[in-house]
Amino acid sequence: MDSSENCSTYLSNLTNLVVTALNGSTVAISIGLSPPIGGGFEIRRRDLEFMPGEDPGLVSRAILPNITLSRETANDRYYVRMYDGSTPPNYSEFSTALFINLPVGS
């Protein structure tokens, strides 16, 4: 097996992601891209372990480009990558990070 067989195919980084609404209980985002066939957008609380399956860092796996997330702390952090329908899935090379500093419930 040559080294090219070990390489992932990276999807687009989410450079057009914007926050469309923010309050003490939710944050709404618009990804700015349609998901790839069979894929979507994975949101995590830390910038690692992007993969299918459940774990404590997973916030959501969404298939729509407009997403509303529940806030948990005054300093919420979300990391977002696109994934496709491959097995195993390919992801964006880099995460788009959202750092929020707003009291919960305000």
N, C-alpha and C. Protein backbone atom coordinates (compact mmCIF):
# COMPACT_ATOMS: atom_id res chain seq x y z
N MET A 1 0.85 -1.17 0.00
CA MET A 1 0.00 0.00 0.00
C MET A 1 0.89 1.24 0.00
N ASP A 2 0.66 2.16 -0.92
CA ASP A 2 1.47 3.38 -0.94
C ASP A 2 0.88 4.42 0.00
N SER A 3 1.66 5.49 0.26
CA SER A 3 1.24 6.48 1.24
C SER A 3 -0.04 7.21 0.85
N SER A 4 -0.36 7.29 -0.44
CA SER A 4 -1.58 7.99 -0.85
C SER A 4 -2.83 7.25 -0.41
N GLU A 5 -2.73 5.97 -0.15
CA GLU A 5 -3.89 5.21 0.30
C GLU A 5 -4.24 5.50 1.75
N ASN A 6 -3.31 6.07 2.52
CA ASN A 6 -3.55 6.39 3.92
C ASN A 6 -4.10 7.79 4.11
N CYS A 7 -4.12 8.59 3.08
CA CYS A 7 -4.53 9.99 3.19
C CYS A 7 -6.05 10.12 3.18
N SER A 8 -6.53 11.00 4.03
CA SER A 8 -7.94 11.35 4.00
C SER A 8 -8.17 12.37 2.89
N THR A 9 -9.38 12.41 2.42
CA THR A 9 -9.80 13.47 1.51
C THR A 9 -10.47 14.52 2.37
N TYR A 10 -9.88 15.70 2.43
CA TYR A 10 -10.43 16.75 3.27
C TYR A 10 -11.56 17.47 2.56
N LEU A 11 -12.60 17.76 3.32
CA LEU A 11 -13.72 18.56 2.83
C LEU A 11 -13.42 20.03 3.08
N SER A 12 -14.26 20.89 2.54
CA SER A 12 -14.08 22.33 2.71
C SER A 12 -14.14 22.71 4.19
N ASN A 13 -13.28 23.66 4.56
CA ASN A 13 -13.38 24.25 5.88
C ASN A 13 -14.57 25.20 5.87
N LEU A 14 -15.16 25.43 7.02
CA LEU A 14 -16.41 26.19 7.12
C LEU A 14 -16.13 27.67 7.33
N THR A 15 -15.54 28.32 6.33
CA THR A 15 -15.13 29.72 6.45
C THR A 15 -16.30 30.70 6.37
N ASN A 16 -17.48 30.25 5.97
CA ASN A 16 -18.64 31.14 5.86
C ASN A 16 -19.60 31.02 7.04
N LEU A 17 -19.24 30.24 8.06
CA LEU A 17 -20.11 30.06 9.22
C LEU A 17 -20.28 31.38 9.96
N VAL A 18 -21.53 31.72 10.29
CA VAL A 18 -21.83 32.94 11.04
C VAL A 18 -22.83 32.64 12.15
N VAL A 19 -22.73 33.40 13.22
CA VAL A 19 -23.72 33.35 14.29
C VAL A 19 -24.86 34.26 13.86
N THR A 20 -26.07 33.71 13.82
CA THR A 20 -27.23 34.49 13.39
C THR A 20 -28.09 34.98 14.56
N ALA A 21 -27.95 34.36 15.72
CA ALA A 21 -28.68 34.80 16.93
C ALA A 21 -27.97 34.24 18.14
N LEU A 22 -27.97 35.02 19.20
CA LEU A 22 -27.30 34.60 20.43
C LEU A 22 -28.05 35.19 21.61
N ASN A 23 -28.35 34.34 22.60
CA ASN A 23 -28.92 34.82 23.85
C ASN A 23 -28.44 33.91 24.97
N GLY A 24 -28.96 34.07 26.14
CA GLY A 24 -28.50 33.31 27.30
C GLY A 24 -28.84 31.84 27.28
N SER A 25 -29.69 31.40 26.37
CA SER A 25 -30.06 29.98 26.35
C SER A 25 -29.70 29.26 25.04
N THR A 26 -29.54 29.99 23.94
CA THR A 26 -29.23 29.34 22.67
C THR A 26 -28.28 30.18 21.83
N VAL A 27 -27.65 29.52 20.87
CA VAL A 27 -26.88 30.19 19.83
C VAL A 27 -27.32 29.56 18.51
N ALA A 28 -27.66 30.40 17.54
CA ALA A 28 -28.06 29.92 16.22
C ALA A 28 -26.92 30.24 15.25
N ILE A 29 -26.60 29.26 14.40
CA ILE A 29 -25.53 29.45 13.42
C ILE A 29 -26.03 29.08 12.03
N SER A 30 -25.42 29.71 11.05
CA SER A 30 -25.65 29.36 9.65
C SER A 30 -24.30 28.94 9.09
N ILE A 31 -24.24 27.72 8.58
CA ILE A 31 -22.98 27.16 8.08
C ILE A 31 -22.54 27.85 6.79
N GLY A 32 -23.48 28.23 5.94
CA GLY A 32 -23.12 28.88 4.68
C GLY A 32 -22.81 27.91 3.55
N LEU A 33 -22.99 26.62 3.78
CA LEU A 33 -22.79 25.58 2.77
C LEU A 33 -23.87 24.51 2.94
N SER A 34 -24.18 23.84 1.86
CA SER A 34 -25.05 22.66 1.95
C SER A 34 -24.19 21.47 2.34
N PRO A 35 -24.74 20.52 3.10
CA PRO A 35 -23.95 19.35 3.48
C PRO A 35 -23.68 18.45 2.27
N PRO A 36 -22.59 17.71 2.29
CA PRO A 36 -22.34 16.75 1.22
C PRO A 36 -23.35 15.61 1.28
N ILE A 37 -23.54 14.91 0.19
CA ILE A 37 -24.48 13.77 0.15
C ILE A 37 -24.09 12.76 1.23
N GLY A 38 -25.07 12.40 2.05
CA GLY A 38 -24.86 11.42 3.10
C GLY A 38 -24.13 11.97 4.32
N GLY A 39 -23.84 13.26 4.34
CA GLY A 39 -23.07 13.84 5.43
C GLY A 39 -23.79 14.97 6.11
N GLY A 40 -23.03 15.79 6.80
CA GLY A 40 -23.60 16.91 7.52
C GLY A 40 -22.52 17.68 8.25
N PHE A 41 -22.88 18.16 9.44
CA PHE A 41 -22.00 19.01 10.23
C PHE A 41 -21.92 18.45 11.65
N GLU A 42 -20.71 18.28 12.13
CA GLU A 42 -20.51 17.74 13.47
C GLU A 42 -20.04 18.87 14.38
N ILE A 43 -20.71 19.00 15.53
CA ILE A 43 -20.39 20.05 16.49
C ILE A 43 -19.92 19.37 17.77
N ARG A 44 -18.76 19.80 18.26
CA ARG A 44 -18.17 19.22 19.47
C ARG A 44 -17.78 20.32 20.45
N ARG A 45 -17.61 19.93 21.71
CA ARG A 45 -17.17 20.87 22.75
C ARG A 45 -15.66 20.98 22.82
N ARG A 46 -14.94 20.09 22.16
CA ARG A 46 -13.48 20.19 22.12
C ARG A 46 -13.02 19.87 20.70
N ASP A 47 -11.87 20.35 20.35
CA ASP A 47 -11.38 20.26 18.98
C ASP A 47 -10.57 18.98 18.76
N LEU A 48 -11.22 17.86 18.98
CA LEU A 48 -10.57 16.58 18.73
C LEU A 48 -11.61 15.48 18.66
N GLU A 49 -11.17 14.34 18.18
CA GLU A 49 -12.00 13.13 18.11
C GLU A 49 -13.26 13.30 17.27
N PHE A 50 -13.14 13.99 16.14
CA PHE A 50 -14.26 14.05 15.21
C PHE A 50 -14.41 12.68 14.58
N MET A 51 -15.58 12.05 14.80
CA MET A 51 -15.84 10.70 14.31
C MET A 51 -17.29 10.36 14.57
N PRO A 52 -17.81 9.36 13.85
CA PRO A 52 -19.18 8.91 14.14
C PRO A 52 -19.25 8.31 15.55
N GLY A 53 -20.42 8.35 16.13
CA GLY A 53 -20.62 7.73 17.43
C GLY A 53 -20.82 8.77 18.52
N GLU A 54 -21.28 8.32 19.65
CA GLU A 54 -21.58 9.19 20.77
C GLU A 54 -20.42 9.24 21.74
N ASP A 55 -20.16 10.41 22.29
CA ASP A 55 -19.23 10.57 23.39
C ASP A 55 -19.56 11.89 24.07
N PRO A 56 -19.01 12.15 25.25
CA PRO A 56 -19.39 13.37 26.00
C PRO A 56 -19.09 14.68 25.28
N GLY A 57 -18.14 14.71 24.35
CA GLY A 57 -17.80 15.94 23.65
C GLY A 57 -18.71 16.27 22.49
N LEU A 58 -19.52 15.30 22.06
CA LEU A 58 -20.40 15.51 20.91
C LEU A 58 -21.61 16.35 21.32
N VAL A 59 -21.84 17.44 20.60
CA VAL A 59 -23.01 18.28 20.83
C VAL A 59 -24.12 17.90 19.86
N SER A 60 -23.77 17.78 18.57
CA SER A 60 -24.78 17.49 17.56
C SER A 60 -24.12 17.03 16.27
N ARG A 61 -24.85 16.22 15.52
CA ARG A 61 -24.53 15.90 14.13
C ARG A 61 -25.76 16.35 13.35
N ALA A 62 -25.63 17.44 12.61
CA ALA A 62 -26.76 18.06 11.93
C ALA A 62 -26.63 17.90 10.43
N ILE A 63 -27.78 17.78 9.75
CA ILE A 63 -27.77 17.66 8.30
C ILE A 63 -28.27 18.94 7.62
N LEU A 64 -28.73 19.89 8.41
CA LEU A 64 -29.20 21.16 7.86
C LEU A 64 -28.16 22.24 8.14
N PRO A 65 -28.01 23.22 7.24
CA PRO A 65 -26.98 24.25 7.43
C PRO A 65 -27.33 25.34 8.44
N ASN A 66 -28.56 25.37 8.93
CA ASN A 66 -28.96 26.32 9.97
C ASN A 66 -29.24 25.54 11.24
N ILE A 67 -28.48 25.83 12.29
CA ILE A 67 -28.49 25.01 13.50
C ILE A 67 -28.66 25.90 14.72
N THR A 68 -29.50 25.47 15.66
CA THR A 68 -29.63 26.15 16.95
C THR A 68 -29.13 25.21 18.03
N LEU A 69 -28.20 25.69 18.84
CA LEU A 69 -27.58 24.89 19.90
C LEU A 69 -27.97 25.44 21.26
N SER A 70 -28.16 24.56 22.22
CA SER A 70 -28.45 24.97 23.59
C SER A 70 -27.15 25.37 24.27
N ARG A 71 -27.22 26.46 25.01
CA ARG A 71 -26.07 26.94 25.78
C ARG A 71 -26.02 26.20 27.10
N GLU A 72 -24.80 25.95 27.62
CA GLU A 72 -24.63 25.27 28.90
C GLU A 72 -23.86 26.07 29.92
N THR A 73 -22.91 26.90 29.46
CA THR A 73 -22.10 27.69 30.38
C THR A 73 -21.94 29.11 29.84
N ALA A 74 -21.44 30.00 30.69
CA ALA A 74 -21.19 31.38 30.26
C ALA A 74 -20.06 31.46 29.25
N ASN A 75 -19.24 30.43 29.19
CA ASN A 75 -18.09 30.40 28.28
C ASN A 75 -18.16 29.17 27.38
N ASP A 76 -19.25 29.02 26.66
CA ASP A 76 -19.41 27.88 25.75
C ASP A 76 -18.38 27.94 24.63
N ARG A 77 -17.93 26.75 24.23
CA ARG A 77 -17.03 26.60 23.09
C ARG A 77 -17.61 25.51 22.20
N TYR A 78 -17.67 25.81 20.93
CA TYR A 78 -18.15 24.84 19.95
C TYR A 78 -17.14 24.76 18.82
N TYR A 79 -16.88 23.55 18.35
CA TYR A 79 -15.99 23.31 17.21
C TYR A 79 -16.80 22.58 16.16
N VAL A 80 -16.78 23.08 14.94
CA VAL A 80 -17.65 22.57 13.88
C VAL A 80 -16.81 22.13 12.68
N ARG A 81 -17.14 20.93 12.16
CA ARG A 81 -16.53 20.43 10.93
C ARG A 81 -17.62 19.78 10.08
N MET A 82 -17.41 19.80 8.79
CA MET A 82 -18.30 19.11 7.85
C MET A 82 -17.79 17.68 7.70
N TYR A 83 -18.71 16.72 7.49
CA TYR A 83 -18.33 15.34 7.21
C TYR A 83 -19.17 14.83 6.04
N ASP A 84 -18.67 13.79 5.38
CA ASP A 84 -19.40 13.23 4.24
C ASP A 84 -19.91 11.83 4.55
N GLY A 85 -20.48 11.17 3.55
CA GLY A 85 -21.10 9.86 3.74
C GLY A 85 -20.15 8.70 3.54
N SER A 86 -18.85 8.94 3.45
CA SER A 86 -17.88 7.85 3.28
C SER A 86 -17.79 7.01 4.55
N THR A 87 -17.22 5.82 4.42
CA THR A 87 -16.98 4.96 5.58
C THR A 87 -15.50 4.63 5.62
N PRO A 88 -14.75 5.14 6.59
CA PRO A 88 -15.14 6.14 7.58
C PRO A 88 -15.31 7.50 6.90
N PRO A 89 -16.03 8.41 7.54
CA PRO A 89 -16.29 9.70 6.90
C PRO A 89 -15.03 10.56 6.78
N ASN A 90 -15.01 11.37 5.73
CA ASN A 90 -14.01 12.41 5.59
C ASN A 90 -14.55 13.66 6.27
N TYR A 91 -13.65 14.47 6.80
CA TYR A 91 -14.02 15.69 7.52
C TYR A 91 -13.30 16.89 6.93
N SER A 92 -13.75 18.08 7.31
CA SER A 92 -13.00 19.30 7.04
C SER A 92 -11.63 19.14 7.71
N GLU A 93 -10.61 19.73 7.11
CA GLU A 93 -9.28 19.61 7.71
C GLU A 93 -9.18 20.35 9.03
N PHE A 94 -9.81 21.53 9.10
CA PHE A 94 -9.74 22.35 10.30
C PHE A 94 -11.14 22.65 10.82
N SER A 95 -11.25 22.81 12.13
CA SER A 95 -12.51 23.18 12.76
C SER A 95 -12.74 24.68 12.66
N THR A 96 -14.01 25.06 12.61
CA THR A 96 -14.40 26.44 12.84
C THR A 96 -14.80 26.51 14.30
N ALA A 97 -14.19 27.43 15.03
CA ALA A 97 -14.41 27.50 16.48
C ALA A 97 -15.30 28.69 16.83
N LEU A 98 -16.24 28.46 17.73
CA LEU A 98 -17.09 29.52 18.29
C LEU A 98 -16.81 29.60 19.78
N PHE A 99 -16.42 30.77 20.25
CA PHE A 99 -16.19 31.01 21.65
C PHE A 99 -17.19 32.06 22.12
N ILE A 100 -17.99 31.71 23.11
CA ILE A 100 -19.07 32.59 23.57
C ILE A 100 -18.78 32.99 25.00
N ASN A 101 -18.89 34.28 25.27
CA ASN A 101 -18.73 34.80 26.62
C ASN A 101 -19.96 35.62 26.94
N LEU A 102 -21.01 34.95 27.40
CA LEU A 102 -22.28 35.59 27.74
C LEU A 102 -22.94 34.76 28.81
N PRO A 103 -23.37 35.40 29.91
CA PRO A 103 -24.00 34.61 30.97
C PRO A 103 -25.18 33.79 30.46
N VAL A 104 -25.30 32.60 30.98
CA VAL A 104 -26.42 31.72 30.65
C VAL A 104 -27.67 32.30 31.30
N GLY A 105 -28.77 32.29 30.55
CA GLY A 105 -30.04 32.78 31.07
C GLY A 105 -30.22 34.28 30.94
N SER A 106 -29.23 34.99 30.35
CA SER A 106 -29.37 36.45 30.22
C SER A 106 -30.13 36.84 28.98
